[in-house]
Amino acid sequence: MKIKVRALPYSEVLRLPRLQRKKPLKPSRLLAAVVRLVSGGTLRKTRFSYTTERMELVGKKPCLILMNHSSFTDMKLAFGIFYPRRMGIVTSVDAMSGFLGKLMRWLGCTPTHKYVADISLLHDIKYMLKENKTSVLMYPEAGYSFDGRTTTLPRGLGGLMKRLGVPVVTVITKGAFHRDPLYNMLQIRDVKLSAHVKCIATEEELREKSVAELDALLDEAFSFDNFAWQRDEKISVDEPFRADGLHRILYKCPHCGEENQMEGKGTQLTCHACGKRWEMDEFGQLAAQNGETEYPHIPDWYSWQRACVREELEKGTYLLDTEVDIAVQVNLDGVCSIGTGRLVHNLDGFHLTGADGELDYKQSAVFSHTLYADYYWYEIGDVIGIGNNEFSYFCFPKSAVSVTKARLATEELYKMKKAALRAHSMA
């Protein structure tokens, strides 16, 4: 999938019309049927199946559907499960750009900015449920999983569930991550797909339970480890390119400690700083080809990197400072390339400058619980996305920088700052 990009001076971007909120359209039955038909090939090829639990408590009533997010395949799986149920779909602004965005609007999609507080989105969701009388599909993680585990969820989703007052359904997939993991450069693998569909709360249960209890239900539903499932269930992914791009997740060598010297290619992961190599077997596990295997389980390696980033933050030594190519989005007509600039990320948050001094954007460390970071974004490159409800800035590092580390740092810094603010308020 690609996105429309045009070169434009930042001064002209500032004059472009901003995104105008429109009431969500009731999903077109015809277009939904076309999407279901188009999805059929993938559903058959992947031998897709699903199980249900407590769905008799939902019946045909509009409900809130919360689905984990592994790849672009997820949308096809949703239609395979719920069609002909009509669904409004919460979609990122960049995904609704151009002509495709117009079709998606007729499909019932409504745009929002990732990881940005957006009160208008709540109104859109209520409108879809109450006025359009359709269910609403959301990906609460918002971004694709990096390491096959849950992407950090925002706190307070239980509050949203209570305010909406409709049955809440979760969809947790298996195999979708392995079929098209984000790190693997859009290379599709032959994996059987399945899903479990469960009503985790009825209207009555929403009234009875506290926000914390509802958040706990959601945490339980979204507690998964795709690589552990692959290992334990002996799910074979034997494609010879299965480790391509693995360095996007595992950017730091546990043997020598160097960063951004890793390379995933074929079935191997190599550190070019110290020469250590690991083989990725068909069940997603790593084995060192020379010396000790520090982390055979990829999420454990990822967690170690998180701990390292946390240590840097606590010591005050963390810093990202890199030249970037910058693209800006202000509406659904696509994104505008405005040239190069500089992105700095430190304990204060993000600071982006460029356009000969015209662009000077700061984003605090407590702005969001996580970061819009992506690999091979729309086939352009690895990206760090920041911004607000008016401007989205997509930054493509021009040096060896890990967008994964930037996400980890954003999440850990947010936790640290929020904990400090709570402690201060209680003092």
Protein backbone atom coordinates (compact mmCIF):
# COMPACT_ATOMS: atom_id res chain seq x y z
CA MET A 1 0.00 0.00 0.00
CA LYS A 2 1.30 3.46 -0.89
CA ILE A 3 0.35 7.02 -0.07
CA LYS A 4 0.20 10.13 -2.22
CA VAL A 5 3.25 12.33 -1.57
CA ARG A 6 3.91 15.70 -3.18
CA ALA A 7 6.74 18.17 -2.60
CA LEU A 8 5.57 21.50 -1.23
CA PRO A 9 7.21 24.34 0.70
CA TYR A 10 6.15 24.40 4.33
CA SER A 11 4.83 27.96 3.90
CA GLU A 12 2.32 26.58 1.37
CA VAL A 13 1.44 23.62 3.61
CA LEU A 14 0.40 26.15 6.27
CA ARG A 15 -2.12 27.59 3.82
CA LEU A 16 -3.73 24.27 2.96
CA PRO A 17 -7.28 23.61 4.22
CA ARG A 18 -7.35 21.60 7.44
CA LEU A 19 -9.15 18.33 7.97
CA GLN A 20 -12.87 18.99 8.32
CA ARG A 21 -14.74 16.62 10.60
CA LYS A 22 -17.75 15.01 8.96
CA LYS A 23 -20.37 12.80 10.49
CA PRO A 24 -19.57 9.14 9.80
CA LEU A 25 -21.55 7.63 6.95
CA LYS A 26 -23.66 4.54 7.41
CA PRO A 27 -21.64 1.74 5.81
CA SER A 28 -22.60 0.93 2.24
CA ARG A 29 -23.93 -2.63 2.04
CA LEU A 30 -22.70 -2.87 -1.56
CA LEU A 31 -19.17 -1.75 -0.73
CA ALA A 32 -19.07 -4.03 2.33
CA ALA A 33 -20.08 -6.93 0.09
CA VAL A 34 -17.26 -6.05 -2.32
CA VAL A 35 -14.72 -5.95 0.54
CA ARG A 36 -15.98 -9.31 1.81
CA LEU A 37 -15.69 -10.75 -1.70
CA VAL A 38 -12.17 -9.39 -2.15
CA SER A 39 -11.21 -10.73 1.30
CA GLY A 40 -12.40 -14.20 0.35
CA GLY A 41 -9.20 -15.13 -1.46
CA THR A 42 -7.06 -14.41 1.60
CA LEU A 43 -9.51 -16.15 3.94
CA ARG A 44 -9.45 -19.30 1.82
CA LYS A 45 -5.72 -19.24 1.22
CA THR A 46 -5.00 -18.90 4.94
CA ARG A 47 -7.64 -21.50 5.86
CA PHE A 48 -9.12 -18.96 8.24
CA SER A 49 -11.39 -20.12 11.06
CA TYR A 50 -12.66 -18.60 14.29
CA THR A 51 -14.29 -19.54 17.57
CA THR A 52 -16.79 -17.55 19.60
CA GLU A 53 -17.57 -17.13 23.30
CA ARG A 54 -20.63 -15.46 24.86
CA MET A 55 -21.59 -13.92 21.52
CA GLU A 56 -25.20 -15.01 22.05
CA LEU A 57 -25.33 -12.16 24.61
CA VAL A 58 -24.70 -9.66 21.80
CA GLY A 59 -27.05 -10.95 19.13
CA LYS A 60 -27.60 -8.38 16.40
CA LYS A 61 -27.22 -5.33 18.65
CA PRO A 62 -24.58 -2.70 17.78
CA CYS A 63 -21.43 -3.41 19.76
CA LEU A 64 -17.91 -2.10 20.25
CA ILE A 65 -15.42 -4.48 18.60
CA LEU A 66 -11.85 -4.26 19.87
CA MET A 67 -9.38 -6.18 17.70
CA ASN A 68 -5.67 -6.74 18.08
CA HIS A 69 -3.54 -5.29 15.29
CA SER A 70 -0.90 -7.40 13.53
CA SER A 71 -1.01 -6.49 9.86
CA PHE A 72 -3.17 -5.17 7.04
CA THR A 73 -4.74 -8.65 6.92
CA ASP A 74 -6.73 -7.76 10.06
CA MET A 75 -9.37 -5.86 8.10
CA LYS A 76 -10.02 -8.89 5.88
CA LEU A 77 -10.34 -11.10 8.94
CA ALA A 78 -12.85 -8.70 10.50
CA PHE A 79 -15.05 -8.93 7.42
CA GLY A 80 -14.64 -12.69 7.41
CA ILE A 81 -15.97 -12.79 10.98
CA PHE A 82 -18.67 -10.13 11.10
CA TYR A 83 -20.07 -9.70 7.59
CA PRO A 84 -22.95 -8.89 6.96
CA ARG A 85 -23.00 -7.03 10.31
CA ARG A 86 -22.53 -3.36 9.46
CA MET A 87 -19.47 -1.80 11.07
CA GLY A 88 -18.13 1.71 11.38
CA ILE A 89 -14.34 1.53 11.49
CA VAL A 90 -11.95 3.86 13.33
CA THR A 91 -9.05 4.47 10.92
CA SER A 92 -5.86 6.52 11.04
CA VAL A 93 -5.83 9.77 9.08
CA ASP A 94 -2.94 8.72 6.85
CA ALA A 95 -4.70 5.47 5.90
CA MET A 96 -7.68 7.48 4.60
CA SER A 97 -5.72 9.70 2.25
CA GLY A 98 -6.58 10.16 -1.39
CA PHE A 99 -9.18 8.30 -3.46
CA LEU A 100 -8.97 5.22 -1.25
CA GLY A 101 -9.99 7.38 1.69
CA LYS A 102 -13.20 8.38 -0.10
CA LEU A 103 -14.07 4.71 -0.60
CA MET A 104 -13.22 3.97 3.02
CA ARG A 105 -15.57 6.72 4.16
CA TRP A 106 -18.40 5.03 2.21
CA LEU A 107 -17.37 1.81 3.93
CA GLY A 108 -18.08 3.53 7.25
CA CYS A 109 -14.54 4.51 8.23
CA THR A 110 -13.90 7.63 10.29
CA PRO A 111 -10.41 9.21 10.52
CA THR A 112 -8.43 9.94 13.65
CA HIS A 113 -4.84 10.78 14.55
CA LYS A 114 -2.86 8.02 16.23
CA TYR A 115 -1.98 8.52 19.88
CA VAL A 116 -3.51 12.00 20.04
CA ALA A 117 -6.35 12.87 22.43
CA ASP A 118 -9.37 13.47 20.18
CA ILE A 119 -12.71 14.30 21.80
CA SER A 120 -14.37 14.45 18.38
CA LEU A 121 -13.61 10.75 17.93
CA LEU A 122 -15.81 9.95 20.92
CA HIS A 123 -18.66 11.87 19.28
CA ASP A 124 -18.06 9.97 16.01
CA ILE A 125 -18.17 6.62 17.77
CA LYS A 126 -21.37 7.54 19.60
CA TYR A 127 -22.88 8.71 16.31
CA MET A 128 -22.05 5.41 14.61
CA LEU A 129 -23.54 3.39 17.46
CA LYS A 130 -26.62 5.47 18.26
CA GLU A 131 -27.54 7.24 15.02
CA ASN A 132 -26.18 4.93 12.32
CA LYS A 133 -26.99 1.95 14.56
CA THR A 134 -23.89 0.10 13.45
CA SER A 135 -21.21 -1.66 15.41
CA VAL A 136 -17.81 0.04 15.69
CA LEU A 137 -14.51 -1.69 14.99
CA MET A 138 -11.44 -0.26 16.73
CA TYR A 139 -7.84 -1.36 17.08
CA PRO A 140 -7.08 -0.14 20.63
CA GLU A 141 -3.35 -0.74 20.12
CA ALA A 142 -3.60 1.69 17.14
CA GLY A 143 -0.25 0.51 15.76
CA TYR A 144 0.92 -2.87 14.54
CA SER A 145 2.69 -5.08 17.07
CA PHE A 146 6.49 -4.92 16.81
CA ASP A 147 7.49 -8.03 18.78
CA GLY A 148 4.31 -10.08 18.55
CA ARG A 149 3.01 -8.96 21.94
CA THR A 150 0.45 -6.34 22.81
CA THR A 151 1.37 -2.80 21.80
CA THR A 152 1.01 -0.58 24.87
CA LEU A 153 -2.67 0.14 25.50
CA PRO A 154 -3.89 3.53 26.74
CA ARG A 155 -5.30 3.60 30.26
CA GLY A 156 -8.95 4.45 30.69
CA LEU A 157 -10.42 2.42 27.84
CA GLY A 158 -12.76 1.02 30.48
CA GLY A 159 -14.13 4.53 30.86
CA LEU A 160 -14.86 4.69 27.13
CA MET A 161 -16.62 1.34 27.33
CA LYS A 162 -18.84 2.55 30.20
CA ARG A 163 -19.70 5.80 28.44
CA LEU A 164 -20.73 4.03 25.26
CA GLY A 165 -22.86 1.49 27.11
CA VAL A 166 -22.96 -1.16 24.37
CA PRO A 167 -21.68 -4.75 24.47
CA VAL A 168 -17.91 -5.02 24.10
CA VAL A 169 -16.44 -7.74 21.88
CA THR A 170 -12.77 -8.62 21.55
CA VAL A 171 -11.14 -10.29 18.55
CA ILE A 172 -7.71 -11.83 19.13
CA THR A 173 -6.06 -13.36 16.09
CA LYS A 174 -3.45 -16.07 15.79
CA GLY A 175 -1.18 -16.35 12.79
CA ALA A 176 -1.83 -12.86 11.39
CA PHE A 177 1.38 -11.56 12.93
CA HIS A 178 3.41 -14.44 11.48
CA ARG A 179 1.84 -14.14 8.05
CA ASP A 180 2.94 -10.53 7.61
CA PRO A 181 5.06 -9.21 10.51
CA LEU A 182 5.83 -5.52 10.22
CA TYR A 183 9.60 -6.03 10.33
CA ASN A 184 9.64 -8.45 7.36
CA MET A 185 9.29 -5.86 4.56
CA LEU A 186 5.76 -6.84 3.43
CA GLN A 187 6.82 -10.38 2.54
CA ILE A 188 3.85 -12.70 2.95
CA ARG A 189 4.39 -16.09 4.59
CA ASP A 190 2.25 -19.23 4.40
CA VAL A 191 0.53 -19.41 7.81
CA LYS A 192 -2.94 -20.62 8.81
CA LEU A 193 -5.00 -17.87 10.47
CA SER A 194 -7.56 -18.12 13.25
CA ALA A 195 -9.28 -15.85 15.75
CA HIS A 196 -11.20 -15.97 19.01
CA VAL A 197 -14.23 -13.70 19.27
CA LYS A 198 -15.57 -13.00 22.76
CA CYS A 199 -18.11 -10.73 24.40
CA ILE A 200 -16.15 -9.51 27.44
CA ALA A 201 -18.90 -7.22 28.77
CA THR A 202 -22.63 -6.81 28.27
CA GLU A 203 -24.52 -3.56 28.92
CA GLU A 204 -25.42 -4.75 32.41
CA GLU A 205 -21.86 -5.81 33.20
CA LEU A 206 -20.59 -2.42 32.05
CA ARG A 207 -22.87 -0.74 34.58
CA GLU A 208 -21.80 -3.08 37.38
CA LYS A 209 -18.05 -2.97 36.89
CA SER A 210 -15.63 -0.15 37.63
CA VAL A 211 -13.35 1.40 35.03
CA ALA A 212 -10.38 -0.39 36.62
CA GLU A 213 -12.20 -3.73 36.40
CA LEU A 214 -13.03 -3.14 32.74
CA ASP A 215 -9.43 -2.15 32.01
CA ALA A 216 -8.35 -5.40 33.68
CA LEU A 217 -10.72 -7.38 31.44
CA LEU A 218 -9.21 -5.73 28.40
CA ASP A 219 -5.66 -6.33 29.63
CA GLU A 220 -6.50 -10.00 30.07
CA ALA A 221 -7.97 -10.26 26.57
CA PHE A 222 -4.96 -8.48 25.04
CA SER A 223 -2.39 -10.57 26.85
CA PHE A 224 -0.68 -12.58 24.13
CA ASP A 225 2.75 -13.53 22.84
CA ASN A 226 2.71 -14.60 19.20
CA PHE A 227 6.27 -15.93 19.22
CA ALA A 228 5.55 -18.05 22.32
CA TRP A 229 2.41 -19.40 20.62
CA GLN A 230 4.43 -20.24 17.51
CA ARG A 231 7.07 -22.04 19.58
CA ASP A 232 4.65 -23.95 21.80
CA GLU A 233 2.27 -24.97 19.01
CA LYS A 234 5.12 -25.81 16.60
CA ILE A 235 3.83 -23.40 13.94
CA SER A 236 6.32 -23.66 11.11
CA VAL A 237 7.39 -20.57 9.19
CA ASP A 238 10.09 -22.01 6.96
CA GLU A 239 10.38 -19.24 4.36
CA PRO A 240 14.05 -18.50 3.65
CA PHE A 241 13.45 -14.75 4.23
CA ARG A 242 11.90 -15.10 7.70
CA ALA A 243 14.65 -13.06 9.41
CA ASP A 244 14.74 -10.27 6.81
CA GLY A 245 14.47 -6.96 8.67
CA LEU A 246 14.57 -8.57 12.13
CA HIS A 247 17.09 -5.92 13.16
CA ARG A 248 14.22 -3.44 13.14
CA ILE A 249 12.96 -5.11 16.32
CA LEU A 250 16.34 -6.26 17.68
CA TYR A 251 18.52 -3.23 17.13
CA LYS A 252 20.93 -3.72 20.07
CA CYS A 253 23.47 -6.53 20.35
CA PRO A 254 23.30 -8.31 23.73
CA HIS A 255 26.85 -9.57 23.26
CA CYS A 256 28.77 -6.34 22.62
CA GLY A 257 26.10 -3.75 23.43
CA GLU A 258 26.40 -1.85 20.14
CA GLU A 259 23.26 -0.38 18.59
CA ASN A 260 22.16 -0.16 14.96
CA GLN A 261 24.83 -2.61 13.82
CA MET A 262 22.45 -5.56 13.55
CA GLU A 263 21.24 -7.00 10.25
CA GLY A 264 18.50 -9.55 9.72
CA LYS A 265 18.88 -11.32 6.39
CA GLY A 266 17.58 -14.65 5.19
CA THR A 267 17.38 -16.82 8.29
CA GLN A 268 20.17 -15.10 10.22
CA LEU A 269 20.61 -12.07 12.47
CA THR A 270 24.15 -10.67 12.51
CA CYS A 271 25.92 -8.02 14.57
CA HIS A 272 28.40 -6.28 12.28
CA ALA A 273 30.18 -4.71 15.27
CA CYS A 274 31.31 -7.94 16.95
CA GLY A 275 30.50 -10.57 14.35
CA LYS A 276 28.09 -12.60 16.46
CA ARG A 277 25.34 -14.42 14.55
CA TRP A 278 22.03 -16.00 15.45
CA GLU A 279 19.93 -18.41 13.39
CA MET A 280 16.14 -17.99 13.40
CA ASP A 281 14.54 -21.42 13.22
CA GLU A 282 11.19 -22.27 11.63
CA PHE A 283 9.47 -21.91 15.01
CA GLY A 284 10.61 -18.31 15.55
CA GLN A 285 13.38 -19.04 18.07
CA LEU A 286 16.96 -17.77 17.92
CA ALA A 287 20.13 -19.81 18.43
CA ALA A 288 23.62 -18.28 18.50
CA GLN A 289 25.97 -19.65 15.86
CA ASN A 290 29.02 -18.63 17.88
CA GLY A 291 28.87 -18.48 21.65
CA GLU A 292 26.01 -18.23 24.13
CA THR A 293 22.39 -17.71 23.08
CA GLU A 294 21.43 -14.76 25.25
CA TYR A 295 17.76 -14.53 24.24
CA PRO A 296 16.31 -17.41 22.23
CA HIS A 297 12.84 -15.82 22.61
CA ILE A 298 12.57 -12.59 20.59
CA PRO A 299 10.22 -10.76 23.03
CA ASP A 300 12.76 -11.38 25.84
CA TRP A 301 15.44 -9.63 23.75
CA TYR A 302 12.95 -6.82 23.12
CA SER A 303 12.24 -6.53 26.88
CA TRP A 304 15.98 -6.36 27.57
CA GLN A 305 16.26 -3.44 25.13
CA ARG A 306 13.40 -1.71 26.97
CA ALA A 307 15.26 -2.13 30.27
CA CYS A 308 18.40 -0.66 28.68
CA VAL A 309 16.46 2.37 27.44
CA ARG A 310 14.90 2.81 30.88
CA GLU A 311 18.36 2.82 32.42
CA GLU A 312 19.52 5.52 29.98
CA LEU A 313 16.50 7.64 30.86
CA GLU A 314 17.06 7.25 34.59
CA LYS A 315 20.72 8.23 34.18
CA GLY A 316 19.77 11.16 31.94
CA THR A 317 21.95 9.95 29.07
CA TYR A 318 19.23 9.08 26.56
CA LEU A 319 19.30 11.22 23.41
CA LEU A 320 18.07 10.90 19.85
CA ASP A 321 19.40 13.67 17.61
CA THR A 322 19.22 13.09 13.88
CA GLU A 323 18.67 14.73 10.53
CA VAL A 324 15.35 13.68 9.02
CA ASP A 325 13.32 13.99 5.85
CA ILE A 326 9.96 15.49 6.82
CA ALA A 327 6.48 14.90 5.44
CA VAL A 328 3.45 16.77 6.78
CA GLN A 329 -0.24 15.91 6.64
CA VAL A 330 -3.01 18.41 7.36
CA ASN A 331 -5.97 16.87 5.49
CA LEU A 332 -6.98 13.73 3.57
CA ASP A 333 -5.37 14.79 0.26
CA GLY A 334 -2.12 13.00 1.07
CA VAL A 335 1.14 14.11 2.64
CA CYS A 336 3.51 16.90 1.67
CA SER A 337 7.26 16.47 1.58
CA ILE A 338 8.85 19.68 2.90
CA GLY A 339 12.53 18.74 2.82
CA THR A 340 14.93 18.02 5.65
CA GLY A 341 15.06 19.04 9.27
CA ARG A 342 16.28 17.92 12.67
CA LEU A 343 14.52 15.72 15.20
CA VAL A 344 15.63 15.67 18.82
CA HIS A 345 14.19 13.38 21.48
CA ASN A 346 15.35 13.76 25.07
CA LEU A 347 13.91 13.80 28.58
CA ASP A 348 11.75 16.80 27.68
CA GLY A 349 10.09 15.07 24.73
CA PHE A 350 10.38 15.72 20.98
CA HIS A 351 11.61 18.83 19.20
CA LEU A 352 11.35 19.03 15.41
CA THR A 353 12.83 21.90 13.41
CA GLY A 354 13.12 22.51 9.68
CA ALA A 355 11.92 24.50 6.69
CA ASP A 356 14.57 27.18 7.20
CA GLY A 357 13.29 27.96 10.67
CA GLU A 358 9.59 28.06 9.78
CA LEU A 359 8.94 24.71 11.45
CA ASP A 360 9.54 24.54 15.19
CA TYR A 361 7.37 21.92 16.86
CA LYS A 362 7.71 20.61 20.42
CA GLN A 363 5.88 17.65 21.94
CA SER A 364 6.11 17.04 25.66
CA ALA A 365 7.11 13.73 27.22
CA VAL A 366 3.59 13.27 28.66
CA PHE A 367 1.78 14.07 25.41
CA SER A 368 1.15 10.41 24.61
CA HIS A 369 1.63 6.98 26.23
CA THR A 370 3.43 5.69 23.14
CA LEU A 371 4.79 6.74 19.75
CA TYR A 372 3.64 6.37 16.17
CA ALA A 373 6.67 4.49 14.88
CA ASP A 374 6.51 2.29 11.82
CA TYR A 375 8.74 0.20 9.57
CA TYR A 376 8.86 0.75 5.81
CA TRP A 377 5.94 3.21 6.13
CA TYR A 378 3.90 3.11 2.89
CA GLU A 379 7.00 1.59 1.25
CA ILE A 380 8.96 4.81 1.91
CA GLY A 381 11.06 4.05 4.99
CA ASP A 382 11.11 3.66 8.76
CA VAL A 383 9.30 6.57 10.34
CA ILE A 384 8.70 8.44 13.58
CA GLY A 385 5.34 10.19 13.62
CA ILE A 386 4.55 13.07 15.96
CA GLY A 387 2.06 15.90 15.86
CA ASN A 388 -1.38 16.98 17.04
CA ASN A 389 -4.94 17.10 15.72
CA GLU A 390 -3.95 19.74 13.16
CA PHE A 391 -0.52 18.67 11.92
CA SER A 392 0.98 15.20 11.53
CA TYR A 393 4.75 15.20 11.08
CA PHE A 394 6.34 12.07 9.61
CA CYS A 395 10.09 11.99 10.18
CA PHE A 396 12.35 9.64 8.23
CA PRO A 397 15.81 9.41 9.86
CA LYS A 398 18.69 9.93 7.46
CA SER A 399 21.19 8.20 9.79
CA ALA A 400 21.31 4.81 11.52
CA VAL A 401 18.55 5.43 14.05
CA SER A 402 16.17 2.86 15.51
CA VAL A 403 12.54 3.97 15.48
CA THR A 404 11.93 1.02 17.82
CA LYS A 405 14.19 2.58 20.45
CA ALA A 406 12.36 5.89 20.05
CA ARG A 407 9.06 4.13 20.77
CA LEU A 408 10.48 2.33 23.81
CA ALA A 409 11.94 5.58 25.11
CA THR A 410 8.64 7.40 24.62
CA GLU A 411 6.74 4.73 26.57
CA GLU A 412 9.23 4.50 29.43
CA LEU A 413 9.63 8.28 29.68
CA TYR A 414 5.86 8.69 29.81
CA LYS A 415 5.66 6.22 32.71
CA MET A 416 8.47 8.00 34.56
CA LYS A 417 7.00 11.48 34.10
CA LYS A 418 3.48 10.37 35.05
CA ALA A 419 4.79 8.63 38.19
CA ALA A 420 6.70 11.78 39.15
CA LEU A 421 3.60 13.94 38.64
CA ARG A 422 1.50 11.57 40.81
CA ALA A 423 4.14 11.58 43.53
CA HIS A 424 4.31 15.38 43.44
CA SER A 425 0.52 15.74 43.68
CA MET A 426 0.42 13.43 46.72
CA ALA A 427 3.28 15.18 48.50
